[in-house]
Amino acid sequence: ADIVRPKFELVLRELERELGGLGIARWGKPKGGYFICFEAQKG
């Protein structure tokens, strides 16, 4: 977790910084596992 956690936090931080508030996507914020699920605009 000490190795993986900073990577999840980096991705979530950058998604929010770059895409937050644009209304073009949403994404999960998992507490574990290996993936982040990203939902873009349809199509």
PDB file of all heavy atoms in Angstrom:
ATOM      1  N   ALA A   1       0.826  -1.213   0.000  1.00  0.00           N
ATOM      2  CA  ALA A   1       0.000   0.000   0.000  1.00  0.00           C
ATOM      3  C   ALA A   1       0.856   1.257   0.000  1.00  0.00           C
ATOM      4  O   ALA A   1       0.517   2.253  -0.650  1.00  0.00           O
ATOM      5  CB  ALA A   1      -0.936  -0.004   1.200  1.00  0.00           C
ATOM      6  N   ASP A   2       1.980   1.209   0.695  1.00  0.00           N
ATOM      7  CA  ASP A   2       2.865   2.379   0.736  1.00  0.00           C
ATOM      8  C   ASP A   2       3.411   2.716  -0.654  1.00  0.00           C
ATOM      9  O   ASP A   2       3.718   3.876  -0.949  1.00  0.00           O
ATOM     10  CB  ASP A   2       4.038   2.121   1.690  1.00  0.00           C
ATOM     11  CG  ASP A   2       3.612   2.160   3.152  1.00  0.00           C
ATOM     12  OD1 ASP A   2       2.529   2.706   3.434  1.00  0.00           O
ATOM     13  OD2 ASP A   2       4.357   1.623   3.999  1.00  0.00           O
ATOM     14  N   ILE A   3       3.532   1.706  -1.504  1.00  0.00           N
ATOM     15  CA  ILE A   3       4.013   1.914  -2.876  1.00  0.00           C
ATOM     16  C   ILE A   3       2.876   2.325  -3.802  1.00  0.00           C
ATOM     17  O   ILE A   3       3.017   3.227  -4.637  1.00  0.00           O
ATOM     18  CB  ILE A   3       4.683   0.629  -3.408  1.00  0.00           C
ATOM     19  CG1 ILE A   3       5.932   0.290  -2.569  1.00  0.00           C
ATOM     20  CG2 ILE A   3       5.058   0.771  -4.885  1.00  0.00           C
ATOM     21  CD1 ILE A   3       6.505  -1.080  -2.855  1.00  0.00           C
ATOM     22  N   VAL A   4       1.735   1.684  -3.632  1.00  0.00           N
ATOM     23  CA  VAL A   4       0.605   1.872  -4.551  1.00  0.00           C
ATOM     24  C   VAL A   4      -0.202   3.130  -4.242  1.00  0.00           C
ATOM     25  O   VAL A   4      -0.653   3.835  -5.150  1.00  0.00           O
ATOM     26  CB  VAL A   4      -0.309   0.619  -4.513  1.00  0.00           C
ATOM     27  CG1 VAL A   4      -1.605   0.873  -5.270  1.00  0.00           C
ATOM     28  CG2 VAL A   4       0.416  -0.585  -5.088  1.00  0.00           C
ATOM     29  N   ARG A   5      -0.382   3.430  -2.957  1.00  0.00           N
ATOM     30  CA  ARG A   5      -1.250   4.539  -2.550  1.00  0.00           C
ATOM     31  C   ARG A   5      -0.871   5.877  -3.192  1.00  0.00           C
ATOM     32  O   ARG A   5      -1.758   6.594  -3.697  1.00  0.00           O
ATOM     33  CB  ARG A   5      -1.238   4.658  -1.021  1.00  0.00           C
ATOM     34  CG  ARG A   5      -2.186   5.712  -0.482  1.00  0.00           C
ATOM     35  CD  ARG A   5      -2.274   5.639   1.041  1.00  0.00           C
ATOM     36  NE  ARG A   5      -0.965   5.709   1.682  1.00  0.00           N
ATOM     37  CZ  ARG A   5      -0.360   4.691   2.306  1.00  0.00           C
ATOM     38  NH1 ARG A   5      -0.957   3.512   2.389  1.00  0.00           N
ATOM     39  NH2 ARG A   5       0.823   4.847   2.864  1.00  0.00           N
ATOM     40  N   PRO A   6       0.420   6.262  -3.226  1.00  0.00           N
ATOM     41  CA  PRO A   6       0.760   7.541  -3.873  1.00  0.00           C
ATOM     42  C   PRO A   6       0.368   7.598  -5.343  1.00  0.00           C
ATOM     43  O   PRO A   6       0.085   8.676  -5.870  1.00  0.00           O
ATOM     44  CB  PRO A   6       2.285   7.623  -3.702  1.00  0.00           C
ATOM     45  CG  PRO A   6       2.594   6.750  -2.529  1.00  0.00           C
ATOM     46  CD  PRO A   6       1.602   5.632  -2.603  1.00  0.00           C
ATOM     47  N   LYS A   7       0.324   6.449  -5.996  1.00  0.00           N
ATOM     48  CA  LYS A   7      -0.047   6.424  -7.411  1.00  0.00           C
ATOM     49  C   LYS A   7      -1.536   6.693  -7.583  1.00  0.00           C
ATOM     50  O   LYS A   7      -1.946   7.473  -8.459  1.00  0.00           O
ATOM     51  CB  LYS A   7       0.344   5.079  -8.022  1.00  0.00           C
ATOM     52  CG  LYS A   7       1.838   4.814  -7.988  1.00  0.00           C
ATOM     53  CD  LYS A   7       2.186   3.504  -8.653  1.00  0.00           C
ATOM     54  CE  LYS A   7       3.696   3.292  -8.649  1.00  0.00           C
ATOM     55  NZ  LYS A   7       4.103   2.106  -9.399  1.00  0.00           N
ATOM     56  N   PHE A   8      -2.353   6.062  -6.759  1.00  0.00           N
ATOM     57  CA  PHE A   8      -3.784   6.337  -6.804  1.00  0.00           C
ATOM     58  C   PHE A   8      -4.058   7.800  -6.478  1.00  0.00           C
ATOM     59  O   PHE A   8      -4.862   8.458  -7.144  1.00  0.00           O
ATOM     60  CB  PHE A   8      -4.531   5.427  -5.825  1.00  0.00           C
ATOM     61  CG  PHE A   8      -4.876   4.082  -6.379  1.00  0.00           C
ATOM     62  CD1 PHE A   8      -3.923   3.078  -6.463  1.00  0.00           C
ATOM     63  CD2 PHE A   8      -6.155   3.811  -6.842  1.00  0.00           C
ATOM     64  CE1 PHE A   8      -4.227   1.828  -6.975  1.00  0.00           C
ATOM     65  CE2 PHE A   8      -6.482   2.570  -7.360  1.00  0.00           C
ATOM     66  CZ  PHE A   8      -5.514   1.564  -7.424  1.00  0.00           C
ATOM     67  N   GLU A   9      -3.376   8.292  -5.458  1.00  0.00           N
ATOM     68  CA  GLU A   9      -3.597   9.684  -5.053  1.00  0.00           C
ATOM     69  C   GLU A   9      -3.156  10.654  -6.141  1.00  0.00           C
ATOM     70  O   GLU A   9      -3.816  11.681  -6.369  1.00  0.00           O
ATOM     71  CB  GLU A   9      -2.861   9.951  -3.743  1.00  0.00           C
ATOM     72  CG  GLU A   9      -3.488   9.210  -2.562  1.00  0.00           C
ATOM     73  CD  GLU A   9      -2.721   9.396  -1.266  1.00  0.00           C
ATOM     74  OE1 GLU A   9      -1.551   9.869  -1.323  1.00  0.00           O
ATOM     75  OE2 GLU A   9      -3.267   9.059  -0.194  1.00  0.00           O
ATOM     76  N   LEU A  10      -2.074  10.341  -6.829  1.00  0.00           N
ATOM     77  CA  LEU A  10      -1.623  11.190  -7.933  1.00  0.00           C
ATOM     78  C   LEU A  10      -2.676  11.236  -9.039  1.00  0.00           C
ATOM     79  O   LEU A  10      -3.037  12.313  -9.536  1.00  0.00           O
ATOM     80  CB  LEU A  10      -0.289  10.677  -8.483  1.00  0.00           C
ATOM     81  CG  LEU A  10       0.375  11.490  -9.606  1.00  0.00           C
ATOM     82  CD1 LEU A  10       1.889  11.302  -9.578  1.00  0.00           C
ATOM     83  CD2 LEU A  10      -0.145  11.099 -10.996  1.00  0.00           C
ATOM     84  N   VAL A  11      -3.151  10.072  -9.445  1.00  0.00           N
ATOM     85  CA  VAL A  11      -4.142  10.021 -10.527  1.00  0.00           C
ATOM     86  C   VAL A  11      -5.405  10.781 -10.136  1.00  0.00           C
ATOM     87  O   VAL A  11      -5.918  11.598 -10.910  1.00  0.00           O
ATOM     88  CB  VAL A  11      -4.483   8.559 -10.897  1.00  0.00           C
ATOM     89  CG1 VAL A  11      -5.639   8.521 -11.900  1.00  0.00           C
ATOM     90  CG2 VAL A  11      -3.263   7.855 -11.477  1.00  0.00           C
ATOM     91  N   LEU A  12      -5.904  10.536  -8.940  1.00  0.00           N
ATOM     92  CA  LEU A  12      -7.145  11.194  -8.507  1.00  0.00           C
ATOM     93  C   LEU A  12      -6.958  12.699  -8.386  1.00  0.00           C
ATOM     94  O   LEU A  12      -7.850  13.475  -8.747  1.00  0.00           O
ATOM     95  CB  LEU A  12      -7.609  10.593  -7.178  1.00  0.00           C
ATOM     96  CG  LEU A  12      -8.073   9.138  -7.240  1.00  0.00           C
ATOM     97  CD1 LEU A  12      -8.325   8.593  -5.843  1.00  0.00           C
ATOM     98  CD2 LEU A  12      -9.318   8.993  -8.102  1.00  0.00           C
ATOM     99  N   ARG A  13      -5.793  13.108  -7.914  1.00  0.00           N
ATOM    100  CA  ARG A  13      -5.512  14.542  -7.789  1.00  0.00           C
ATOM    101  C   ARG A  13      -5.467  15.219  -9.155  1.00  0.00           C
ATOM    102  O   ARG A  13      -6.037  16.302  -9.362  1.00  0.00           O
ATOM    103  CB  ARG A  13      -4.178  14.723  -7.065  1.00  0.00           C
ATOM    104  CG  ARG A  13      -3.822  16.171  -6.768  1.00  0.00           C
ATOM    105  CD  ARG A  13      -2.630  16.254  -5.835  1.00  0.00           C
ATOM    106  NE  ARG A  13      -1.433  15.626  -6.373  1.00  0.00           N
ATOM    107  CZ  ARG A  13      -0.893  14.500  -5.886  1.00  0.00           C
ATOM    108  NH1 ARG A  13      -1.448  13.877  -4.856  1.00  0.00           N
ATOM    109  NH2 ARG A  13       0.205  14.003  -6.432  1.00  0.00           N
ATOM    110  N   GLU A  14      -4.821  14.566 -10.125  1.00  0.00           N
ATOM    111  CA  GLU A  14      -4.702  15.146 -11.464  1.00  0.00           C
ATOM    112  C   GLU A  14      -6.028  15.120 -12.215  1.00  0.00           C
ATOM    113  O   GLU A  14      -6.341  16.038 -12.973  1.00  0.00           O
ATOM    114  CB  GLU A  14      -3.619  14.415 -12.262  1.00  0.00           C
ATOM    115  CG  GLU A  14      -2.209  14.655 -11.745  1.00  0.00           C
ATOM    116  CD  GLU A  14      -1.878  16.142 -11.704  1.00  0.00           C
ATOM    117  OE1 GLU A  14      -1.974  16.800 -12.766  1.00  0.00           O
ATOM    118  OE2 GLU A  14      -1.541  16.651 -10.615  1.00  0.00           O
ATOM    119  N   LEU A  15      -6.810  14.077 -12.022  1.00  0.00           N
ATOM    120  CA  LEU A  15      -8.139  14.044 -12.647  1.00  0.00           C
ATOM    121  C   LEU A  15      -8.989  15.200 -12.154  1.00  0.00           C
ATOM    122  O   LEU A  15      -9.659  15.878 -12.939  1.00  0.00           O
ATOM    123  CB  LEU A  15      -8.835  12.713 -12.337  1.00  0.00           C
ATOM    124  CG  LEU A  15      -8.281  11.454 -13.018  1.00  0.00           C
ATOM    125  CD1 LEU A  15      -9.050  10.217 -12.547  1.00  0.00           C
ATOM    126  CD2 LEU A  15      -8.342  11.554 -14.538  1.00  0.00           C
ATOM    127  N   GLU A  16      -8.941  15.446 -10.852  1.00  0.00           N
ATOM    128  CA  GLU A  16      -9.727  16.529 -10.286  1.00  0.00           C
ATOM    129  C   GLU A  16      -9.205  17.891 -10.763  1.00  0.00           C
ATOM    130  O   GLU A  16      -9.984  18.785 -11.101  1.00  0.00           O
ATOM    131  CB  GLU A  16      -9.701  16.451  -8.758  1.00  0.00           C
ATOM    132  CG  GLU A  16     -10.539  17.514  -8.067  1.00  0.00           C
ATOM    133  CD  GLU A  16     -12.009  17.438  -8.432  1.00  0.00           C
ATOM    134  OE1 GLU A  16     -12.531  16.318  -8.634  1.00  0.00           O
ATOM    135  OE2 GLU A  16     -12.650  18.513  -8.540  1.00  0.00           O
ATOM    136  N   ARG A  17      -7.879  18.025 -10.784  1.00  0.00           N
ATOM    137  CA  ARG A  17      -7.289  19.311 -11.178  1.00  0.00           C
ATOM    138  C   ARG A  17      -7.572  19.635 -12.643  1.00  0.00           C
ATOM    139  O   ARG A  17      -7.874  20.774 -13.002  1.00  0.00           O
ATOM    140  CB  ARG A  17      -5.782  19.279 -10.941  1.00  0.00           C
ATOM    141  CG  ARG A  17      -5.086  20.627 -11.164  1.00  0.00           C
ATOM    142  CD  ARG A  17      -3.650  20.569 -10.671  1.00  0.00           C
ATOM    143  NE  ARG A  17      -2.816  19.760 -11.536  1.00  0.00           N
ATOM    144  CZ  ARG A  17      -2.164  20.229 -12.605  1.00  0.00           C
ATOM    145  NH1 ARG A  17      -2.274  21.510 -12.943  1.00  0.00           N
ATOM    146  NH2 ARG A  17      -1.413  19.437 -13.332  1.00  0.00           N
ATOM    147  N   GLU A  18      -7.483  18.645 -13.507  1.00  0.00           N
ATOM    148  CA  GLU A  18      -7.620  18.886 -14.939  1.00  0.00           C
ATOM    149  C   GLU A  18      -9.054  18.780 -15.448  1.00  0.00           C
ATOM    150  O   GLU A  18      -9.424  19.465 -16.401  1.00  0.00           O
ATOM    151  CB  GLU A  18      -6.739  17.901 -15.712  1.00  0.00           C
ATOM    152  CG  GLU A  18      -5.242  18.086 -15.494  1.00  0.00           C
ATOM    153  CD  GLU A  18      -4.737  19.398 -16.076  1.00  0.00           C
ATOM    154  OE1 GLU A  18      -5.356  19.896 -17.047  1.00  0.00           O
ATOM    155  OE2 GLU A  18      -3.744  19.938 -15.566  1.00  0.00           O
ATOM    156  N   LEU A  19      -9.855  17.929 -14.813  1.00  0.00           N
ATOM    157  CA  LEU A  19     -11.190  17.655 -15.356  1.00  0.00           C
ATOM    158  C   LEU A  19     -12.324  18.032 -14.415  1.00  0.00           C
ATOM    159  O   LEU A  19     -13.485  18.096 -14.836  1.00  0.00           O
ATOM    160  CB  LEU A  19     -11.310  16.162 -15.704  1.00  0.00           C
ATOM    161  CG  LEU A  19     -10.268  15.608 -16.676  1.00  0.00           C
ATOM    162  CD1 LEU A  19     -10.468  14.102 -16.856  1.00  0.00           C
ATOM    163  CD2 LEU A  19     -10.337  16.318 -18.024  1.00  0.00           C
ATOM    164  N   GLY A  20     -12.009  18.268 -13.157  1.00  0.00           N
ATOM    165  CA  GLY A  20     -13.054  18.608 -12.201  1.00  0.00           C
ATOM    166  C   GLY A  20     -13.795  19.873 -12.600  1.00  0.00           C
ATOM    167  O   GLY A  20     -13.196  20.879 -12.964  1.00  0.00           O
ATOM    168  N   GLY A  21     -15.111  19.810 -12.556  1.00  0.00           N
ATOM    169  CA  GLY A  21     -15.926  20.981 -12.879  1.00  0.00           C
ATOM    170  C   GLY A  21     -16.225  21.177 -14.345  1.00  0.00           C
ATOM    171  O   GLY A  21     -17.006  22.062 -14.712  1.00  0.00           O
ATOM    172  N   LEU A  22     -15.632  20.353 -15.224  1.00  0.00           N
ATOM    173  CA  LEU A  22     -15.881  20.507 -16.663  1.00  0.00           C
ATOM    174  C   LEU A  22     -17.188  19.839 -17.101  1.00  0.00           C
ATOM    175  O   LEU A  22     -17.702  20.138 -18.181  1.00  0.00           O
ATOM    176  CB  LEU A  22     -14.719  19.927 -17.472  1.00  0.00           C
ATOM    177  CG  LEU A  22     -13.373  20.652 -17.379  1.00  0.00           C
ATOM    178  CD1 LEU A  22     -12.335  19.955 -18.257  1.00  0.00           C
ATOM    179  CD2 LEU A  22     -13.520  22.117 -17.799  1.00  0.00           C
ATOM    180  N   GLY A  23     -17.655  18.897 -16.290  1.00  0.00           N
ATOM    181  CA  GLY A  23     -18.902  18.226 -16.645  1.00  0.00           C
ATOM    182  C   GLY A  23     -18.757  17.244 -17.789  1.00  0.00           C
ATOM    183  O   GLY A  23     -19.739  16.936 -18.472  1.00  0.00           O
ATOM    184  N   ILE A  24     -17.543  16.741 -18.018  1.00  0.00           N
ATOM    185  CA  ILE A  24     -17.326  15.833 -19.154  1.00  0.00           C
ATOM    186  C   ILE A  24     -16.954  14.418 -18.708  1.00  0.00           C
ATOM    187  O   ILE A  24     -16.757  13.533 -19.554  1.00  0.00           O
ATOM    188  CB  ILE A  24     -16.222  16.365 -20.099  1.00  0.00           C
ATOM    189  CG1 ILE A  24     -14.905  16.554 -19.356  1.00  0.00           C
ATOM    190  CG2 ILE A  24     -16.671  17.670 -20.742  1.00  0.00           C
ATOM    191  CD1 ILE A  24     -13.742  16.961 -20.268  1.00  0.00           C
ATOM    192  N   ALA A  25     -16.865  14.185 -17.409  1.00  0.00           N
ATOM    193  CA  ALA A  25     -16.480  12.857 -16.937  1.00  0.00           C
ATOM    194  C   ALA A  25     -16.728  12.745 -15.446  1.00  0.00           C
ATOM    195  O   ALA A  25     -16.893  13.742 -14.736  1.00  0.00           O
ATOM    196  CB  ALA A  25     -15.000  12.596 -17.226  1.00  0.00           C
ATOM    197  N   ARG A  26     -16.746  11.503 -14.972  1.00  0.00           N
ATOM    198  CA  ARG A  26     -16.741  11.229 -13.536  1.00  0.00           C
ATOM    199  C   ARG A  26     -15.924   9.963 -13.309  1.00  0.00           C
ATOM    200  O   ARG A  26     -15.699   9.181 -14.230  1.00  0.00           O
ATOM    201  CB  ARG A  26     -18.154  11.086 -12.986  1.00  0.00           C
ATOM    202  CG  ARG A  26     -18.996  10.000 -13.640  1.00  0.00           C
ATOM    203  CD  ARG A  26     -20.391   9.980 -13.044  1.00  0.00           C
ATOM    204  NE  ARG A  26     -21.223   8.943 -13.641  1.00  0.00           N
ATOM    205  CZ  ARG A  26     -22.451   8.658 -13.236  1.00  0.00           C
ATOM    206  NH1 ARG A  26     -22.981   9.329 -12.227  1.00  0.00           N
ATOM    207  NH2 ARG A  26     -23.143   7.710 -13.834  1.00  0.00           N
ATOM    208  N   TRP A  27     -15.477   9.775 -12.074  1.00  0.00           N
ATOM    209  CA  TRP A  27     -14.589   8.653 -11.799  1.00  0.00           C
ATOM    210  C   TRP A  27     -14.745   8.211 -10.350  1.00  0.00           C
ATOM    211  O   TRP A  27     -15.180   8.971  -9.484  1.00  0.00           O
ATOM    212  CB  TRP A  27     -13.138   9.025 -12.090  1.00  0.00           C
ATOM    213  CG  TRP A  27     -12.707  10.314 -11.431  1.00  0.00           C
ATOM    214  CD1 TRP A  27     -12.165  10.485 -10.188  1.00  0.00           C
ATOM    215  CD2 TRP A  27     -12.827  11.628 -11.996  1.00  0.00           C
ATOM    216  NE1 TRP A  27     -11.931  11.812  -9.946  1.00  0.00           N
ATOM    217  CE2 TRP A  27     -12.324  12.543 -11.039  1.00  0.00           C
ATOM    218  CE3 TRP A  27     -13.303  12.134 -13.218  1.00  0.00           C
ATOM    219  CZ2 TRP A  27     -12.289  13.921 -11.263  1.00  0.00           C
ATOM    220  CZ3 TRP A  27     -13.279  13.504 -13.439  1.00  0.00           C
ATOM    221  CH2 TRP A  27     -12.769  14.383 -12.474  1.00  0.00           C
ATOM    222  N   GLY A  28     -14.376   6.957 -10.106  1.00  0.00           N
ATOM    223  CA  GLY A  28     -14.455   6.409  -8.767  1.00  0.00           C
ATOM    224  C   GLY A  28     -13.257   6.805  -7.921  1.00  0.00           C
ATOM    225  O   GLY A  28     -12.215   7.215  -8.437  1.00  0.00           O
ATOM    226  N   LYS A  29     -13.424   6.674  -6.609  1.00  0.00           N
ATOM    227  CA  LYS A  29     -12.346   6.956  -5.656  1.00  0.00           C
ATOM    228  C   LYS A  29     -12.224   5.760  -4.717  1.00  0.00           C
ATOM    229  O   LYS A  29     -12.656   5.797  -3.564  1.00  0.00           O
ATOM    230  CB  LYS A  29     -12.639   8.244  -4.883  1.00  0.00           C
ATOM    231  CG  LYS A  29     -12.715   9.474  -5.791  1.00  0.00           C
ATOM    232  CD  LYS A  29     -13.096  10.736  -5.018  1.00  0.00           C
ATOM    233  CE  LYS A  29     -13.197  11.927  -5.961  1.00  0.00           C
ATOM    234  NZ  LYS A  29     -13.615  13.176  -5.250  1.00  0.00           N
ATOM    235  N   PRO A  30     -11.616   4.679  -5.211  1.00  0.00           N
ATOM    236  CA  PRO A  30     -11.588   3.425  -4.446  1.00  0.00           C
ATOM    237  C   PRO A  30     -10.692   3.494  -3.213  1.00  0.00           C
ATOM    238  O   PRO A  30      -9.738   4.267  -3.159  1.00  0.00           O
ATOM    239  CB  PRO A  30     -11.031   2.423  -5.465  1.00  0.00           C
ATOM    240  CG  PRO A  30     -10.192   3.250  -6.384  1.00  0.00           C
ATOM    241  CD  PRO A  30     -10.918   4.571  -6.501  1.00  0.00           C
ATOM    242  N   LYS A  31     -11.018   2.649  -2.242  1.00  0.00           N
ATOM    243  CA  LYS A  31     -10.211   2.535  -1.028  1.00  0.00           C
ATOM    244  C   LYS A  31      -9.259   1.351  -1.095  1.00  0.00           C
ATOM    245  O   LYS A  31      -8.533   1.070  -0.134  1.00  0.00           O
ATOM    246  CB  LYS A  31     -11.129   2.391   0.191  1.00  0.00           C
ATOM    247  CG  LYS A  31     -12.039   3.584   0.422  1.00  0.00           C
ATOM    248  CD  LYS A  31     -12.981   3.321   1.585  1.00  0.00           C
ATOM    249  CE  LYS A  31     -13.977   4.461   1.768  1.00  0.00           C
ATOM    250  NZ  LYS A  31     -14.964   4.163   2.841  1.00  0.00           N
ATOM    251  N   GLY A  32      -9.273   0.649  -2.218  1.00  0.00           N
ATOM    252  CA  GLY A  32      -8.398  -0.505  -2.371  1.00  0.00           C
ATOM    253  C   GLY A  32      -8.484  -1.055  -3.779  1.00  0.00           C
ATOM    254  O   GLY A  32      -9.124  -0.482  -4.655  1.00  0.00           O
ATOM    255  N   GLY A  33      -7.830  -2.180  -3.996  1.00  0.00           N
ATOM    256  CA  GLY A  33      -7.838  -2.799  -5.312  1.00  0.00           C
ATOM    257  C   GLY A  33      -6.747  -2.265  -6.220  1.00  0.00           C
ATOM    258  O   GLY A  33      -5.756  -1.700  -5.750  1.00  0.00           O
ATOM    259  N   TYR A  34      -6.968  -2.399  -7.532  1.00  0.00           N
ATOM    260  CA  TYR A  34      -5.925  -2.072  -8.499  1.00  0.00           C
ATOM    261  C   TYR A  34      -6.358  -1.103  -9.585  1.00  0.00           C
ATOM    262  O   TYR A  34      -5.570  -0.802 -10.480  1.00  0.00           O
ATOM    263  CB  TYR A  34      -5.418  -3.370  -9.146  1.00  0.00           C
ATOM    264  CG  TYR A  34      -4.091  -3.821  -8.584  1.00  0.00           C
ATOM    265  CD1 TYR A  34      -3.938  -4.098  -7.234  1.00  0.00           C
ATOM    266  CD2 TYR A  34      -2.979  -3.954  -9.397  1.00  0.00           C
ATOM    267  CE1 TYR A  34      -2.719  -4.502  -6.720  1.00  0.00           C
ATOM    268  CE2 TYR A  34      -1.755  -4.357  -8.899  1.00  0.00           C
ATOM    269  CZ  TYR A  34      -1.633  -4.634  -7.550  1.00  0.00           C
ATOM    270  OH  TYR A  34      -0.426  -5.025  -7.042  1.00  0.00           O
ATOM    271  N   PHE A  35      -7.607  -0.604  -9.516  1.00  0.00           N
ATOM    272  CA  PHE A  35      -8.110   0.164 -10.651  1.00  0.00           C
ATOM    273  C   PHE A  35      -8.915   1.396 -10.220  1.00  0.00           C
ATOM    274  O   PHE A  35      -9.452   1.454  -9.115  1.00  0.00           O
ATOM    275  CB  PHE A  35      -8.997  -0.713 -11.538  1.00  0.00           C
ATOM    276  CG  PHE A  35      -8.318  -1.968 -11.997  1.00  0.00           C
ATOM    277  CD1 PHE A  35      -8.563  -3.173 -11.357  1.00  0.00           C
ATOM    278  CD2 PHE A  35      -7.406  -1.935 -13.040  1.00  0.00           C
ATOM    279  CE1 PHE A  35      -7.922  -4.332 -11.761  1.00  0.00           C
ATOM    280  CE2 PHE A  35      -6.757  -3.083 -13.444  1.00  0.00           C
ATOM    281  CZ  PHE A  35      -7.015  -4.284 -12.814  1.00  0.00           C
ATOM    282  N   ILE A  36      -8.975   2.338 -11.148  1.00  0.00           N
ATOM    283  CA  ILE A  36      -9.875   3.485 -11.046  1.00  0.00           C
ATOM    284  C   ILE A  36     -10.790   3.421 -12.262  1.00  0.00           C
ATOM    285  O   ILE A  36     -10.319   3.324 -13.398  1.00  0.00           O
ATOM    286  CB  ILE A  36      -9.104   4.814 -11.023  1.00  0.00           C
ATOM    287  CG1 ILE A  36      -8.244   4.911  -9.754  1.00  0.00           C
ATOM    288  CG2 ILE A  36     -10.061   6.004 -11.107  1.00  0.00           C
ATOM    289  CD1 ILE A  36      -7.264   6.058  -9.765  1.00  0.00           C
ATOM    290  N   CYS A  37     -12.084   3.456 -12.016  1.00  0.00           N
ATOM    291  CA  CYS A  37     -13.055   3.380 -13.116  1.00  0.00           C
ATOM    292  C   CYS A  37     -13.418   4.799 -13.551  1.00  0.00           C
ATOM    293  O   CYS A  37     -13.876   5.610 -12.743  1.00  0.00           O
ATOM    294  CB  CYS A  37     -14.293   2.621 -12.663  1.00  0.00           C
ATOM    295  SG  CYS A  37     -15.423   2.226 -14.012  1.00  0.00           S
ATOM    296  N   PHE A  38     -13.213   5.066 -14.819  1.00  0.00           N
ATOM    297  CA  PHE A  38     -13.434   6.407 -15.378  1.00  0.00           C
ATOM    298  C   PHE A  38     -14.586   6.341 -16.368  1.00  0.00           C
ATOM    299  O   PHE A  38     -14.600   5.499 -17.271  1.00  0.00           O
ATOM    300  CB  PHE A  38     -12.158   6.874 -16.086  1.00  0.00           C
ATOM    301  CG  PHE A  38     -12.210   8.283 -16.607  1.00  0.00           C
ATOM    302  CD1 PHE A  38     -11.782   9.343 -15.818  1.00  0.00           C
ATOM    303  CD2 PHE A  38     -12.669   8.555 -17.890  1.00  0.00           C
ATOM    304  CE1 PHE A  38     -11.808  10.644 -16.303  1.00  0.00           C
ATOM    305  CE2 PHE A  38     -12.706   9.848 -18.380  1.00  0.00           C
ATOM    306  CZ  PHE A  38     -12.272  10.898 -17.582  1.00  0.00           C
ATOM    307  N   GLU A  39     -15.562   7.225 -16.203  1.00  0.00           N
ATOM    308  CA  GLU A  39     -16.706   7.278 -17.107  1.00  0.00           C
ATOM    309  C   GLU A  39     -16.669   8.577 -17.905  1.00  0.00           C
ATOM    310  O   GLU A  39     -16.875   9.659 -17.370  1.00  0.00           O
ATOM    311  CB  GLU A  39     -18.021   7.174 -16.341  1.00  0.00           C
ATOM    312  CG  GLU A  39     -19.238   7.114 -17.260  1.00  0.00           C
ATOM    313  CD  GLU A  39     -20.535   6.940 -16.504  1.00  0.00           C
ATOM    314  OE1 GLU A  39     -20.496   6.824 -15.259  1.00  0.00           O
ATOM    315  OE2 GLU A  39     -21.600   6.936 -17.164  1.00  0.00           O
ATOM    316  N   ALA A  40     -16.376   8.449 -19.184  1.00  0.00           N
ATOM    317  CA  ALA A  40     -16.316   9.595 -20.088  1.00  0.00           C
ATOM    318  C   ALA A  40     -17.697   9.870 -20.675  1.00  0.00           C
ATOM    319  O   ALA A  40     -18.679   9.184 -20.356  1.00  0.00           O
ATOM    320  CB  ALA A  40     -15.316   9.316 -21.200  1.00  0.00           C
ATOM    321  N   GLN A  41     -17.786  10.870 -21.533  1.00  0.00           N
ATOM    322  CA  GLN A  41     -19.040  11.135 -22.229  1.00  0.00           C
ATOM    323  C   GLN A  41     -19.399   9.939 -23.105  1.00  0.00           C
ATOM    324  O   GLN A  41     -18.524   9.240 -23.626  1.00  0.00           O
ATOM    325  CB  GLN A  41     -18.909  12.388 -23.089  1.00  0.00           C
ATOM    326  CG  GLN A  41     -18.762  13.679 -22.290  1.00  0.00           C
ATOM    327  CD  GLN A  41     -18.566  14.876 -23.200  1.00  0.00           C
ATOM    328  OE1 GLN A  41     -17.709  14.876 -24.067  1.00  0.00           O
ATOM    329  NE2 GLN A  41     -19.365  15.923 -23.000  1.00  0.00           N
ATOM    330  N   LYS A  42     -20.678   9.703 -23.270  1.00  0.00           N
ATOM    331  CA  LYS A  42     -21.118   8.586 -24.111  1.00  0.00           C
ATOM    332  C   LYS A  42     -20.535   8.717 -25.512  1.00  0.00           C
ATOM    333  O   LYS A  42     -20.503   9.801 -26.091  1.00  0.00           O
ATOM    334  CB  LYS A  42     -22.648   8.559 -24.180  1.00  0.00           C
ATOM    335  CG  LYS A  42     -23.310   8.209 -22.857  1.00  0.00           C
ATOM    336  CD  LYS A  42     -24.825   8.214 -22.977  1.00  0.00           C
ATOM    337  CE  LYS A  42     -25.475   7.888 -21.641  1.00  0.00           C
ATOM    338  NZ  LYS A  42     -26.960   7.895 -21.729  1.00  0.00           N
ATOM    339  N   GLY A  43     -20.074   7.592 -26.023  1.00  0.00           N
ATOM    340  CA  GLY A  43     -19.518   7.573 -27.367  1.00  0.00           C
ATOM    341  C   GLY A  43     -18.094   8.086 -27.459  1.00  0.00           C
ATOM    342  O   GLY A  43     -17.597   8.325 -28.564  1.00  0.00           O
TER     343      GLY A  43
END
